[in-house]
Amino acid sequence: MVARIYSPAKTATQSGRGNAQEWILEFVPETARSIEPLMGYTSSSDMKQQVRLTFETQDEAVAYAKRNGLAYRVEEQKTRRVPRLTYSDNFRYDRFMPWTH
């Protein structure tokens, strides 16, 4: 039973970073999912993968895992890279992508 601690990326459909500031502790699935033959539903006998805990900081999540004796793996938060572009860059003759219209 290994717990995974990570900070999720921002959603692609939103411009804000609302859910990207929290840290999540969830368990790695121990058994593979199976397909139910009659209806085709996907099911699993591993109930721990339904547990998802949220924390404000990485240190709180690590402290919780240590306090409860859980083996854990921390995935570092990826930094967002915003390219510096100006409006005039849309009209440069040496664009890296050609005009489409």
PDB file of N, CA and C in Angstrom:
ATOM      1  N   MET A   1       0.855  -1.172   0.000  1.00  0.00           N
ATOM      2  CA  MET A   1       0.000   0.000   0.000  1.00  0.00           C
ATOM      3  C   MET A   1       0.905   1.241   0.000  1.00  0.00           C
ATOM      4  N   VAL A   2       1.025   1.845  -1.147  1.00  0.00           N
ATOM      5  CA  VAL A   2       1.851   3.039  -1.303  1.00  0.00           C
ATOM      6  C   VAL A   2       0.931   4.224  -1.580  1.00  0.00           C
ATOM      7  N   ALA A   3       1.172   5.309  -0.864  1.00  0.00           N
ATOM      8  CA  ALA A   3       0.399   6.527  -1.077  1.00  0.00           C
ATOM      9  C   ALA A   3       1.175   7.444  -2.011  1.00  0.00           C
ATOM     10  N   ARG A   4       0.461   8.123  -2.856  1.00  0.00           N
ATOM     11  CA  ARG A   4       1.052   9.063  -3.808  1.00  0.00           C
ATOM     12  C   ARG A   4       0.652  10.470  -3.383  1.00  0.00           C
ATOM     13  N   ILE A   5       1.632  11.346  -3.195  1.00  0.00           N
ATOM     14  CA  ILE A   5       1.380  12.734  -2.796  1.00  0.00           C
ATOM     15  C   ILE A   5       1.794  13.625  -3.957  1.00  0.00           C
ATOM     16  N   TYR A   6       0.836  14.428  -4.441  1.00  0.00           N
ATOM     17  CA  TYR A   6       1.125  15.280  -5.592  1.00  0.00           C
ATOM     18  C   TYR A   6       0.230  16.507  -5.567  1.00  0.00           C
ATOM     19  N   SER A   7       0.600  17.475  -6.370  1.00  0.00           N
ATOM     20  CA  SER A   7      -0.214  18.665  -6.574  1.00  0.00           C
ATOM     21  C   SER A   7      -0.727  18.623  -8.009  1.00  0.00           C
ATOM     22  N   PRO A   8      -2.055  18.606  -8.209  1.00  0.00           N
ATOM     23  CA  PRO A   8      -2.571  18.449  -9.572  1.00  0.00           C
ATOM     24  C   PRO A   8      -2.314  19.685 -10.428  1.00  0.00           C
ATOM     25  N   ALA A   9      -2.244  19.455 -11.714  1.00  0.00           N
ATOM     26  CA  ALA A   9      -2.069  20.549 -12.664  1.00  0.00           C
ATOM     27  C   ALA A   9      -3.386  21.299 -12.807  1.00  0.00           C
ATOM     28  N   LYS A  10      -3.312  22.524 -13.267  1.00  0.00           N
ATOM     29  CA  LYS A  10      -4.542  23.282 -13.475  1.00  0.00           C
ATOM     30  C   LYS A  10      -5.330  22.671 -14.624  1.00  0.00           C
ATOM     31  N   THR A  11      -6.622  22.824 -14.584  1.00  0.00           N
ATOM     32  CA  THR A  11      -7.448  22.249 -15.630  1.00  0.00           C
ATOM     33  C   THR A  11      -7.235  23.010 -16.936  1.00  0.00           C
ATOM     34  N   ALA A  12      -7.356  22.321 -18.028  1.00  0.00           N
ATOM     35  CA  ALA A  12      -7.115  22.938 -19.330  1.00  0.00           C
ATOM     36  C   ALA A  12      -8.272  23.841 -19.747  1.00  0.00           C
ATOM     37  N   THR A  13      -9.442  23.652 -19.166  1.00  0.00           N
ATOM     38  CA  THR A  13     -10.609  24.419 -19.584  1.00  0.00           C
ATOM     39  C   THR A  13     -10.768  25.724 -18.824  1.00  0.00           C
ATOM     40  N   GLN A  14      -9.974  25.951 -17.815  1.00  0.00           N
ATOM     41  CA  GLN A  14     -10.089  27.156 -17.013  1.00  0.00           C
ATOM     42  C   GLN A  14      -8.784  27.934 -17.048  1.00  0.00           C
ATOM     43  N   SER A  15      -8.878  29.247 -16.928  1.00  0.00           N
ATOM     44  CA  SER A  15      -7.664  30.051 -16.922  1.00  0.00           C
ATOM     45  C   SER A  15      -7.122  30.229 -15.513  1.00  0.00           C
ATOM     46  N   GLY A  16      -7.929  30.036 -14.496  1.00  0.00           N
ATOM     47  CA  GLY A  16      -7.488  30.186 -13.116  1.00  0.00           C
ATOM     48  C   GLY A  16      -6.744  28.965 -12.630  1.00  0.00           C
ATOM     49  N   ARG A  17      -6.139  29.087 -11.462  1.00  0.00           N
ATOM     50  CA  ARG A  17      -5.376  27.986 -10.890  1.00  0.00           C
ATOM     51  C   ARG A  17      -5.992  27.561  -9.567  1.00  0.00           C
ATOM     52  N   GLY A  18      -7.312  27.444  -9.507  1.00  0.00           N
ATOM     53  CA  GLY A  18      -8.022  27.179  -8.263  1.00  0.00           C
ATOM     54  C   GLY A  18      -7.647  25.879  -7.585  1.00  0.00           C
ATOM     55  N   ASN A  19      -7.647  24.757  -8.290  1.00  0.00           N
ATOM     56  CA  ASN A  19      -7.361  23.472  -7.666  1.00  0.00           C
ATOM     57  C   ASN A  19      -5.883  23.110  -7.726  1.00  0.00           C
ATOM     58  N   ALA A  20      -5.059  23.946  -8.279  1.00  0.00           N
ATOM     59  CA  ALA A  20      -3.646  23.619  -8.440  1.00  0.00           C
ATOM     60  C   ALA A  20      -2.822  23.991  -7.210  1.00  0.00           C
ATOM     61  N   GLN A  21      -3.421  24.559  -6.198  1.00  0.00           N
ATOM     62  CA  GLN A  21      -2.673  24.978  -5.019  1.00  0.00           C
ATOM     63  C   GLN A  21      -2.700  23.949  -3.901  1.00  0.00           C
ATOM     64  N   GLU A  22      -3.557  22.961  -3.973  1.00  0.00           N
ATOM     65  CA  GLU A  22      -3.665  21.973  -2.906  1.00  0.00           C
ATOM     66  C   GLU A  22      -2.832  20.745  -3.225  1.00  0.00           C
ATOM     67  N   TRP A  23      -2.541  19.954  -2.195  1.00  0.00           N
ATOM     68  CA  TRP A  23      -1.790  18.719  -2.335  1.00  0.00           C
ATOM     69  C   TRP A  23      -2.728  17.559  -2.055  1.00  0.00           C
ATOM     70  N   ILE A  24      -2.604  16.492  -2.814  1.00  0.00           N
ATOM     71  CA  ILE A  24      -3.513  15.357  -2.717  1.00  0.00           C
ATOM     72  C   ILE A  24      -2.726  14.109  -2.346  1.00  0.00           C
ATOM     73  N   LEU A  25      -3.293  13.339  -1.411  1.00  0.00           N
ATOM     74  CA  LEU A  25      -2.747  12.042  -1.046  1.00  0.00           C
ATOM     75  C   LEU A  25      -3.757  10.995  -1.487  1.00  0.00           C
ATOM     76  N   GLU A  26      -3.336  10.105  -2.361  1.00  0.00           N
ATOM     77  CA  GLU A  26      -4.200   9.016  -2.795  1.00  0.00           C
ATOM     78  C   GLU A  26      -3.362   7.753  -2.922  1.00  0.00           C
ATOM     79  N   PHE A  27      -4.017   6.625  -2.854  1.00  0.00           N
ATOM     80  CA  PHE A  27      -3.324   5.351  -2.870  1.00  0.00           C
ATOM     81  C   PHE A  27      -3.179   4.825  -4.287  1.00  0.00           C
ATOM     82  N   VAL A  28      -2.046   4.204  -4.539  1.00  0.00           N
ATOM     83  CA  VAL A  28      -1.778   3.583  -5.834  1.00  0.00           C
ATOM     84  C   VAL A  28      -2.577   2.286  -5.885  1.00  0.00           C
ATOM     85  N   PRO A  29      -3.270   2.000  -6.990  1.00  0.00           N
ATOM     86  CA  PRO A  29      -4.062   0.760  -7.065  1.00  0.00           C
ATOM     87  C   PRO A  29      -3.177  -0.477  -6.930  1.00  0.00           C
ATOM     88  N   GLU A  30      -3.624  -1.423  -6.090  1.00  0.00           N
ATOM     89  CA  GLU A  30      -2.867  -2.660  -5.880  1.00  0.00           C
ATOM     90  C   GLU A  30      -3.293  -3.756  -6.851  1.00  0.00           C
ATOM     91  N   THR A  31      -4.539  -3.726  -7.277  1.00  0.00           N
ATOM     92  CA  THR A  31      -5.022  -4.743  -8.212  1.00  0.00           C
ATOM     93  C   THR A  31      -5.530  -4.055  -9.468  1.00  0.00           C
ATOM     94  N   ALA A  32      -5.494  -4.782 -10.555  1.00  0.00           N
ATOM     95  CA  ALA A  32      -5.967  -4.236 -11.820  1.00  0.00           C
ATOM     96  C   ALA A  32      -7.488  -4.194 -11.845  1.00  0.00           C
ATOM     97  N   ARG A  33      -8.033  -3.288 -12.594  1.00  0.00           N
ATOM     98  CA  ARG A  33      -9.484  -3.221 -12.757  1.00  0.00           C
ATOM     99  C   ARG A  33      -9.948  -4.327 -13.693  1.00  0.00           C
ATOM    100  N   SER A  34     -11.180  -4.771 -13.487  1.00  0.00           N
ATOM    101  CA  SER A  34     -11.725  -5.819 -14.342  1.00  0.00           C
ATOM    102  C   SER A  34     -13.004  -5.320 -15.004  1.00  0.00           C
ATOM    103  N   ILE A  35     -13.331  -5.900 -16.132  1.00  0.00           N
ATOM    104  CA  ILE A  35     -14.534  -5.521 -16.870  1.00  0.00           C
ATOM    105  C   ILE A  35     -15.625  -6.529 -16.563  1.00  0.00           C
ATOM    106  N   GLU A  36     -16.760  -6.032 -16.112  1.00  0.00           N
ATOM    107  CA  GLU A  36     -17.899  -6.886 -15.794  1.00  0.00           C
ATOM    108  C   GLU A  36     -18.483  -7.387 -17.108  1.00  0.00           C
ATOM    109  N   PRO A  37     -18.663  -8.723 -17.282  1.00  0.00           N
ATOM    110  CA  PRO A  37     -19.002  -9.256 -18.594  1.00  0.00           C
ATOM    111  C   PRO A  37     -20.399  -8.907 -19.109  1.00  0.00           C
ATOM    112  N   LEU A  38     -21.375  -8.724 -18.236  1.00  0.00           N
ATOM    113  CA  LEU A  38     -22.737  -8.503 -18.708  1.00  0.00           C
ATOM    114  C   LEU A  38     -22.936  -7.087 -19.248  1.00  0.00           C
ATOM    115  N   MET A  39     -22.599  -6.082 -18.447  1.00  0.00           N
ATOM    116  CA  MET A  39     -22.851  -4.696 -18.839  1.00  0.00           C
ATOM    117  C   MET A  39     -21.607  -3.966 -19.334  1.00  0.00           C
ATOM    118  N   GLY A  40     -20.425  -4.514 -19.075  1.00  0.00           N
ATOM    119  CA  GLY A  40     -19.200  -3.872 -19.533  1.00  0.00           C
ATOM    120  C   GLY A  40     -18.681  -2.811 -18.587  1.00  0.00           C
ATOM    121  N   TYR A  41     -19.206  -2.751 -17.355  1.00  0.00           N
ATOM    122  CA  TYR A  41     -18.728  -1.778 -16.381  1.00  0.00           C
ATOM    123  C   TYR A  41     -17.328  -2.151 -15.924  1.00  0.00           C
ATOM    124  N   THR A  42     -16.543  -1.154 -15.588  1.00  0.00           N
ATOM    125  CA  THR A  42     -15.213  -1.388 -15.038  1.00  0.00           C
ATOM    126  C   THR A  42     -15.321  -1.366 -13.527  1.00  0.00           C
ATOM    127  N   SER A  43     -14.773  -2.407 -12.888  1.00  0.00           N
ATOM    128  CA  SER A  43     -14.857  -2.490 -11.431  1.00  0.00           C
ATOM    129  C   SER A  43     -13.512  -2.907 -10.865  1.00  0.00           C
ATOM    130  N   SER A  44     -13.382  -2.742  -9.560  1.00  0.00           N
ATOM    131  CA  SER A  44     -12.158  -3.104  -8.875  1.00  0.00           C
ATOM    132  C   SER A  44     -12.508  -3.565  -7.471  1.00  0.00           C
ATOM    133  N   SER A  45     -11.710  -4.474  -6.945  1.00  0.00           N
ATOM    134  CA  SER A  45     -11.916  -4.929  -5.575  1.00  0.00           C
ATOM    135  C   SER A  45     -11.065  -4.140  -4.592  1.00  0.00           C
ATOM    136  N   ASP A  46     -10.254  -3.231  -5.085  1.00  0.00           N
ATOM    137  CA  ASP A  46      -9.380  -2.413  -4.253  1.00  0.00           C
ATOM    138  C   ASP A  46     -10.143  -1.174  -3.795  1.00  0.00           C
ATOM    139  N   MET A  47     -10.545  -1.147  -2.529  1.00  0.00           N
ATOM    140  CA  MET A  47     -11.347  -0.035  -2.022  1.00  0.00           C
ATOM    141  C   MET A  47     -10.494   1.183  -1.645  1.00  0.00           C
ATOM    142  N   LYS A  48      -9.187   1.002  -1.514  1.00  0.00           N
ATOM    143  CA  LYS A  48      -8.341   2.122  -1.105  1.00  0.00           C
ATOM    144  C   LYS A  48      -8.203   3.181  -2.190  1.00  0.00           C
ATOM    145  N   GLN A  49      -8.430   2.810  -3.450  1.00  0.00           N
ATOM    146  CA  GLN A  49      -8.277   3.812  -4.496  1.00  0.00           C
ATOM    147  C   GLN A  49      -9.438   4.790  -4.537  1.00  0.00           C
ATOM    148  N   GLN A  50     -10.436   4.592  -3.696  1.00  0.00           N
ATOM    149  CA  GLN A  50     -11.517   5.563  -3.577  1.00  0.00           C
ATOM    150  C   GLN A  50     -11.185   6.671  -2.586  1.00  0.00           C
ATOM    151  N   VAL A  51     -10.145   6.475  -1.778  1.00  0.00           N
ATOM    152  CA  VAL A  51      -9.750   7.449  -0.765  1.00  0.00           C
ATOM    153  C   VAL A  51      -8.874   8.507  -1.411  1.00  0.00           C
ATOM    154  N   ARG A  52      -9.259   9.763  -1.212  1.00  0.00           N
ATOM    155  CA  ARG A  52      -8.502  10.892  -1.758  1.00  0.00           C
ATOM    156  C   ARG A  52      -8.547  12.013  -0.727  1.00  0.00           C
ATOM    157  N   LEU A  53      -7.403  12.303  -0.101  1.00  0.00           N
ATOM    158  CA  LEU A  53      -7.314  13.323   0.936  1.00  0.00           C
ATOM    159  C   LEU A  53      -6.629  14.558   0.385  1.00  0.00           C
ATOM    160  N   THR A  54      -7.118  15.730   0.754  1.00  0.00           N
ATOM    161  CA  THR A  54      -6.503  16.978   0.300  1.00  0.00           C
ATOM    162  C   THR A  54      -5.860  17.696   1.476  1.00  0.00           C
ATOM    163  N   PHE A  55      -4.737  18.340   1.215  1.00  0.00           N
ATOM    164  CA  PHE A  55      -3.991  19.095   2.213  1.00  0.00           C
ATOM    165  C   PHE A  55      -3.586  20.430   1.609  1.00  0.00           C
ATOM    166  N   GLU A  56      -3.353  21.407   2.468  1.00  0.00           N
ATOM    167  CA  GLU A  56      -2.969  22.729   1.983  1.00  0.00           C
ATOM    168  C   GLU A  56      -1.507  22.782   1.558  1.00  0.00           C
ATOM    169  N   THR A  57      -0.643  22.015   2.233  1.00  0.00           N
ATOM    170  CA  THR A  57       0.775  22.033   1.902  1.00  0.00           C
ATOM    171  C   THR A  57       1.300  20.611   1.755  1.00  0.00           C
ATOM    172  N   GLN A  58       2.460  20.496   1.145  1.00  0.00           N
ATOM    173  CA  GLN A  58       3.109  19.200   0.980  1.00  0.00           C
ATOM    174  C   GLN A  58       3.545  18.652   2.330  1.00  0.00           C
ATOM    175  N   ASP A  59       4.009  19.535   3.217  1.00  0.00           N
ATOM    176  CA  ASP A  59       4.472  19.086   4.527  1.00  0.00           C
ATOM    177  C   ASP A  59       3.350  18.462   5.346  1.00  0.00           C
ATOM    178  N   GLU A  60       2.135  18.985   5.248  1.00  0.00           N
ATOM    179  CA  GLU A  60       1.005  18.409   5.962  1.00  0.00           C
ATOM    180  C   GLU A  60       0.693  17.003   5.459  1.00  0.00           C
ATOM    181  N   ALA A  61       0.776  16.802   4.153  1.00  0.00           N
ATOM    182  CA  ALA A  61       0.494  15.487   3.577  1.00  0.00           C
ATOM    183  C   ALA A  61       1.563  14.477   3.985  1.00  0.00           C
ATOM    184  N   VAL A  62       2.820  14.885   3.972  1.00  0.00           N
ATOM    185  CA  VAL A  62       3.901  13.994   4.384  1.00  0.00           C
ATOM    186  C   VAL A  62       3.787  13.664   5.865  1.00  0.00           C
ATOM    187  N   ALA A  63       3.458  14.656   6.691  1.00  0.00           N
ATOM    188  CA  ALA A  63       3.295  14.418   8.128  1.00  0.00           C
ATOM    189  C   ALA A  63       2.149  13.445   8.386  1.00  0.00           C
ATOM    190  N   TYR A  64       1.059  13.554   7.635  1.00  0.00           N
ATOM    191  CA  TYR A  64      -0.063  12.626   7.794  1.00  0.00           C
ATOM    192  C   TYR A  64       0.368  11.197   7.447  1.00  0.00           C
ATOM    193  N   ALA A  65       1.118  11.044   6.350  1.00  0.00           N
ATOM    194  CA  ALA A  65       1.574   9.710   5.940  1.00  0.00           C
ATOM    195  C   ALA A  65       2.518   9.114   6.982  1.00  0.00           C
ATOM    196  N   LYS A  66       3.425   9.918   7.518  1.00  0.00           N
ATOM    197  CA  LYS A  66       4.341   9.419   8.549  1.00  0.00           C
ATOM    198  C   LYS A  66       3.603   9.073   9.837  1.00  0.00           C
ATOM    199  N   ARG A  67       2.646   9.916  10.219  1.00  0.00           N
ATOM    200  CA  ARG A  67       1.893   9.697  11.455  1.00  0.00           C
ATOM    201  C   ARG A  67       1.089   8.398  11.401  1.00  0.00           C
ATOM    202  N   ASN A  68       0.585   8.043  10.214  1.00  0.00           N
ATOM    203  CA  ASN A  68      -0.219   6.834  10.076  1.00  0.00           C
ATOM    204  C   ASN A  68       0.573   5.637   9.551  1.00  0.00           C
ATOM    205  N   GLY A  69       1.879   5.778   9.410  1.00  0.00           N
ATOM    206  CA  GLY A  69       2.731   4.665   9.013  1.00  0.00           C
ATOM    207  C   GLY A  69       2.525   4.223   7.571  1.00  0.00           C
ATOM    208  N   LEU A  70       2.238   5.166   6.688  1.00  0.00           N
ATOM    209  CA  LEU A  70       2.019   4.853   5.279  1.00  0.00           C
ATOM    210  C   LEU A  70       3.302   5.028   4.487  1.00  0.00           C
ATOM    211  N   ALA A  71       3.561   4.104   3.594  1.00  0.00           N
ATOM    212  CA  ALA A  71       4.652   4.298   2.645  1.00  0.00           C
ATOM    213  C   ALA A  71       4.153   5.304   1.608  1.00  0.00           C
ATOM    214  N   TYR A  72       4.972   6.277   1.277  1.00  0.00           N
ATOM    215  CA  TYR A  72       4.505   7.334   0.374  1.00  0.00           C
ATOM    216  C   TYR A  72       5.571   7.686  -0.644  1.00  0.00           C
ATOM    217  N   ARG A  73       5.101   8.299  -1.743  1.00  0.00           N
ATOM    218  CA  ARG A  73       5.967   8.785  -2.811  1.00  0.00           C
ATOM    219  C   ARG A  73       5.503  10.202  -3.139  1.00  0.00           C
ATOM    220  N   VAL A  74       6.424  11.152  -3.100  1.00  0.00           N
ATOM    221  CA  VAL A  74       6.095  12.554  -3.377  1.00  0.00           C
ATOM    222  C   VAL A  74       6.486  12.877  -4.810  1.00  0.00           C
ATOM    223  N   GLU A  75       5.533  13.382  -5.571  1.00  0.00           N
ATOM    224  CA  GLU A  75       5.804  13.853  -6.925  1.00  0.00           C
ATOM    225  C   GLU A  75       5.885  15.365  -6.878  1.00  0.00           C
ATOM    226  N   GLU A  76       7.012  15.888  -7.277  1.00  0.00           N
ATOM    227  CA  GLU A  76       7.249  17.328  -7.173  1.00  0.00           C
ATOM    228  C   GLU A  76       6.294  18.116  -8.059  1.00  0.00           C
ATOM    229  N   GLN A  77       5.962  19.299  -7.606  1.00  0.00           N
ATOM    230  CA  GLN A  77       5.053  20.171  -8.334  1.00  0.00           C
ATOM    231  C   GLN A  77       5.762  20.749  -9.543  1.00  0.00           C
ATOM    232  N   LYS A  78       5.117  20.663 -10.684  1.00  0.00           N
ATOM    233  CA  LYS A  78       5.705  21.196 -11.904  1.00  0.00           C
ATOM    234  C   LYS A  78       5.423  22.692 -11.985  1.00  0.00           C
ATOM    235  N   THR A  79       6.439  23.454 -12.342  1.00  0.00           N
ATOM    236  CA  THR A  79       6.265  24.892 -12.454  1.00  0.00           C
ATOM    237  C   THR A  79       5.684  25.224 -13.819  1.00  0.00           C
ATOM    238  N   ARG A  80       4.859  26.218 -13.820  1.00  0.00           N
ATOM    239  CA  ARG A  80       4.206  26.642 -15.055  1.00  0.00           C
ATOM    240  C   ARG A  80       5.108  27.610 -15.795  1.00  0.00           C
ATOM    241  N   ARG A  81       5.325  27.373 -17.075  1.00  0.00           N
ATOM    242  CA  ARG A  81       6.170  28.239 -17.883  1.00  0.00           C
ATOM    243  C   ARG A  81       5.273  29.037 -18.825  1.00  0.00           C
ATOM    244  N   VAL A  82       5.280  30.335 -18.656  1.00  0.00           N
ATOM    245  CA  VAL A  82       4.469  31.211 -19.490  1.00  0.00           C
ATOM    246  C   VAL A  82       5.392  31.908 -20.477  1.00  0.00           C
ATOM    247  N   PRO A  83       5.171  31.706 -21.780  1.00  0.00           N
ATOM    248  CA  PRO A  83       6.049  32.364 -22.756  1.00  0.00           C
ATOM    249  C   PRO A  83       5.791  33.874 -22.791  1.00  0.00           C
ATOM    250  N   ARG A  84       6.853  34.611 -22.929  1.00  0.00           N
ATOM    251  CA  ARG A  84       6.752  36.066 -23.018  1.00  0.00           C
ATOM    252  C   ARG A  84       6.538  36.460 -24.472  1.00  0.00           C
ATOM    253  N   LEU A  85       5.334  36.803 -24.818  1.00  0.00           N
ATOM    254  CA  LEU A  85       5.009  37.220 -26.173  1.00  0.00           C
ATOM    255  C   LEU A  85       4.278  38.554 -26.138  1.00  0.00           C
ATOM    256  N   THR A  86       4.469  39.300 -27.169  1.00  0.00           N
ATOM    257  CA  THR A  86       3.727  40.545 -27.308  1.00  0.00           C
ATOM    258  C   THR A  86       2.799  40.420 -28.506  1.00  0.00           C
ATOM    259  N   TYR A  87       1.919  41.358 -28.651  1.00  0.00           N
ATOM    260  CA  TYR A  87       0.976  41.331 -29.763  1.00  0.00           C
ATOM    261  C   TYR A  87       1.690  41.449 -31.097  1.00  0.00           C
ATOM    262  N   SER A  88       2.765  42.193 -31.126  1.00  0.00           N
ATOM    263  CA  SER A  88       3.488  42.368 -32.389  1.00  0.00           C
ATOM    264  C   SER A  88       4.178  41.079 -32.844  1.00  0.00           C
ATOM    265  N   ASP A  89       4.389  40.118 -31.932  1.00  0.00           N
ATOM    266  CA  ASP A  89       4.992  38.842 -32.326  1.00  0.00           C
ATOM    267  C   ASP A  89       4.083  38.053 -33.257  1.00  0.00           C
ATOM    268  N   ASN A  90       2.799  38.342 -33.283  1.00  0.00           N
ATOM    269  CA  ASN A  90       1.886  37.657 -34.198  1.00  0.00           C
ATOM    270  C   ASN A  90       2.163  38.001 -35.653  1.00  0.00           C
ATOM    271  N   PHE A  91       2.816  39.117 -35.912  1.00  0.00           N
ATOM    272  CA  PHE A  91       3.022  39.594 -37.275  1.00  0.00           C
ATOM    273  C   PHE A  91       4.487  39.546 -37.712  1.00  0.00           C
ATOM    274  N   ARG A  92       5.325  38.834 -36.992  1.00  0.00           N
ATOM    275  CA  ARG A  92       6.739  38.739 -37.354  1.00  0.00           C
ATOM    276  C   ARG A  92       6.910  37.900 -38.609  1.00  0.00           C
ATOM    277  N   TYR A  93       7.895  38.243 -39.420  1.00  0.00           N
ATOM    278  CA  TYR A  93       8.138  37.496 -40.653  1.00  0.00           C
ATOM    279  C   TYR A  93       8.860  36.175 -40.367  1.00  0.00           C
ATOM    280  N   ASP A  94       9.543  36.053 -39.233  1.00  0.00           N
ATOM    281  CA  ASP A  94      10.285  34.823 -38.917  1.00  0.00           C
ATOM    282  C   ASP A  94       9.550  33.977 -37.869  1.00  0.00           C
ATOM    283  N   ARG A  95       8.235  33.910 -38.012  1.00  0.00           N
ATOM    284  CA  ARG A  95       7.440  33.104 -37.086  1.00  0.00           C
ATOM    285  C   ARG A  95       7.838  31.643 -37.185  1.00  0.00           C
ATOM    286  N   PHE A  96       7.710  30.914 -36.089  1.00  0.00           N
ATOM    287  CA  PHE A  96       8.030  29.491 -36.139  1.00  0.00           C
ATOM    288  C   PHE A  96       6.875  28.672 -36.683  1.00  0.00           C
ATOM    289  N   MET A  97       5.676  29.258 -36.758  1.00  0.00           N
ATOM    290  CA  MET A  97       4.529  28.596 -37.364  1.00  0.00           C
ATOM    291  C   MET A  97       4.010  29.474 -38.493  1.00  0.00           C
ATOM    292  N   PRO A  98       3.731  28.915 -39.663  1.00  0.00           N
ATOM    293  CA  PRO A  98       3.273  29.739 -40.782  1.00  0.00           C
ATOM    294  C   PRO A  98       1.826  30.201 -40.569  1.00  0.00           C
ATOM    295  N   TRP A  99       1.454  31.200 -41.321  1.00  0.00           N
ATOM    296  CA  TRP A  99       0.083  31.684 -41.277  1.00  0.00           C
ATOM    297  C   TRP A  99      -0.859  30.606 -41.803  1.00  0.00           C
ATOM    298  N   THR A 100      -2.042  30.544 -41.225  1.00  0.00           N
ATOM    299  CA  THR A 100      -3.005  29.547 -41.679  1.00  0.00           C
ATOM    300  C   THR A 100      -4.145  30.166 -42.468  1.00  0.00           C
ATOM    301  N   HIS A 101      -4.122  31.441 -42.662  1.00  0.00           N
ATOM    302  CA  HIS A 101      -5.191  32.105 -43.427  1.00  0.00           C
ATOM    303  C   HIS A 101      -4.624  33.143 -44.374  1.00  0.00           C
TER     304      HIS A 101
END
